[in-house]
Amino acid sequence: TLAVDFDGVVIPDGERHTNLLMNNAHGKRLVNAFLREDAPALVIGSAVAMIGELGFGDGSVNDTIHLEASRVTAPADADLNEMIDKFDLAMRNSSNEDKAA
């Protein structure tokens, strides 16, 4: 699997899930590739701390959903519809950047 083959990534909450990604070389490379290339990403709950460990953000989960260019971070208990709406905006932001380049 290559990040370039996908339009975006959703990294769900779950300590077990994030530990598996961090302890698997290919999983870690895939997450790094999405984030390094500013591909649209929805990062939820404990996954926010994981991307902080990878050097993308400070790793702290805010009380609200945060959209920064093509990355959305959200607490685990955030409203799903709002997360999807913000992720849609991130996808649109990314597609607009591609057209400008």
Protein backbone atom coordinates (compact mmCIF):
# COMPACT_ATOMS: atom_id res chain seq x y z
CA THR A 1 0.00 0.00 0.00
CA LEU A 2 1.24 3.45 -0.92
CA ALA A 3 -0.18 6.73 0.37
CA VAL A 4 -0.19 8.13 -3.16
CA ASP A 5 -2.80 5.51 -4.10
CA PHE A 6 -5.38 7.08 -1.77
CA ASP A 7 -7.18 10.41 -1.55
CA GLY A 8 -7.06 10.59 2.25
CA VAL A 9 -6.72 8.67 5.47
CA VAL A 10 -8.78 8.25 8.62
CA ILE A 11 -6.83 7.20 11.70
CA PRO A 12 -9.39 6.21 14.34
CA ASP A 13 -9.15 6.39 18.10
CA GLY A 14 -7.94 3.34 19.94
CA GLU A 15 -4.74 2.78 21.86
CA ARG A 16 -4.37 -0.78 20.57
CA HIS A 17 -4.82 0.41 16.99
CA THR A 18 -2.31 3.24 17.30
CA ASN A 19 0.21 0.98 19.05
CA LEU A 20 -0.04 -1.49 16.16
CA LEU A 21 0.63 1.30 13.65
CA MET A 22 3.57 2.67 15.65
CA ASN A 23 5.14 -0.76 16.13
CA ASN A 24 4.83 -1.81 12.48
CA ALA A 25 7.42 -0.33 10.14
CA HIS A 26 5.09 -0.30 7.14
CA GLY A 27 2.21 1.21 9.14
CA LYS A 28 4.50 3.94 10.44
CA ARG A 29 5.82 4.69 6.92
CA LEU A 30 2.27 4.89 5.56
CA VAL A 31 1.10 7.34 8.24
CA ASN A 32 4.28 9.39 7.79
CA ALA A 33 3.74 9.53 4.02
CA PHE A 34 0.20 10.86 4.34
CA LEU A 35 1.17 13.50 6.88
CA ARG A 36 4.44 14.53 5.21
CA GLU A 37 2.65 15.11 1.90
CA ASP A 38 -0.22 17.01 3.59
CA ALA A 39 -2.72 14.49 2.26
CA PRO A 40 -6.18 14.85 3.79
CA ALA A 41 -6.25 13.14 7.19
CA LEU A 42 -8.84 12.74 9.91
CA VAL A 43 -7.04 11.88 13.13
CA ILE A 44 -9.19 10.92 16.11
CA GLY A 45 -8.51 10.59 19.84
CA SER A 46 -5.39 8.63 20.76
CA ALA A 47 -4.21 8.80 17.16
CA VAL A 48 -3.54 12.53 17.70
CA ALA A 49 -0.88 11.63 20.28
CA MET A 50 0.57 9.11 17.81
CA ILE A 51 1.06 11.70 15.07
CA GLY A 52 2.62 13.98 17.69
CA GLU A 53 5.19 11.26 18.37
CA LEU A 54 5.90 11.21 14.64
CA GLY A 55 6.59 14.95 14.68
CA PHE A 56 3.29 16.18 13.22
CA GLY A 57 1.79 18.51 15.81
CA ASP A 58 2.13 18.61 19.56
CA GLY A 59 0.13 15.44 20.17
CA SER A 60 -2.45 17.05 22.43
CA VAL A 61 -6.13 16.44 21.86
CA ASN A 62 -8.24 19.57 22.13
CA ASP A 63 -11.83 19.61 23.33
CA THR A 64 -12.99 20.57 19.85
CA ILE A 65 -12.48 19.42 16.30
CA HIS A 66 -9.62 21.33 14.67
CA LEU A 67 -9.06 21.77 10.93
CA GLU A 68 -5.62 22.87 9.77
CA ALA A 69 -5.30 22.92 5.96
CA SER A 70 -5.73 19.24 5.08
CA ARG A 71 -5.55 17.74 8.58
CA VAL A 72 -8.46 17.35 10.98
CA THR A 73 -7.85 16.38 14.60
CA ALA A 74 -10.74 15.46 16.86
CA PRO A 75 -11.34 14.14 20.35
CA ALA A 76 -12.69 10.59 20.50
CA ASP A 77 -16.10 11.77 21.71
CA ALA A 78 -16.56 14.45 19.04
CA ASP A 79 -19.67 14.63 16.89
CA LEU A 80 -19.26 12.26 13.94
CA ASN A 81 -21.18 14.49 11.52
CA GLU A 82 -18.94 17.44 12.37
CA MET A 83 -15.83 15.30 11.90
CA ILE A 84 -17.06 14.22 8.47
CA ASP A 85 -17.89 17.81 7.49
CA LYS A 86 -14.40 19.00 8.51
CA PHE A 87 -12.77 16.07 6.71
CA ASP A 88 -14.75 17.01 3.59
CA LEU A 89 -13.32 20.55 3.89
CA ALA A 90 -9.83 19.09 4.27
CA MET A 91 -10.35 17.06 1.09
CA ARG A 92 -11.53 20.18 -0.74
CA ASN A 93 -8.56 22.20 0.59
CA SER A 94 -6.20 19.53 -0.69
CA SER A 95 -7.83 19.38 -4.10
CA ASN A 96 -7.67 23.19 -4.41
CA GLU A 97 -3.95 23.11 -3.57
CA ASP A 98 -3.39 20.45 -6.24
CA LYS A 99 -5.12 22.62 -8.86
CA ALA A 100 -3.04 25.67 -7.88
CA ALA A 101 0.24 23.75 -8.22
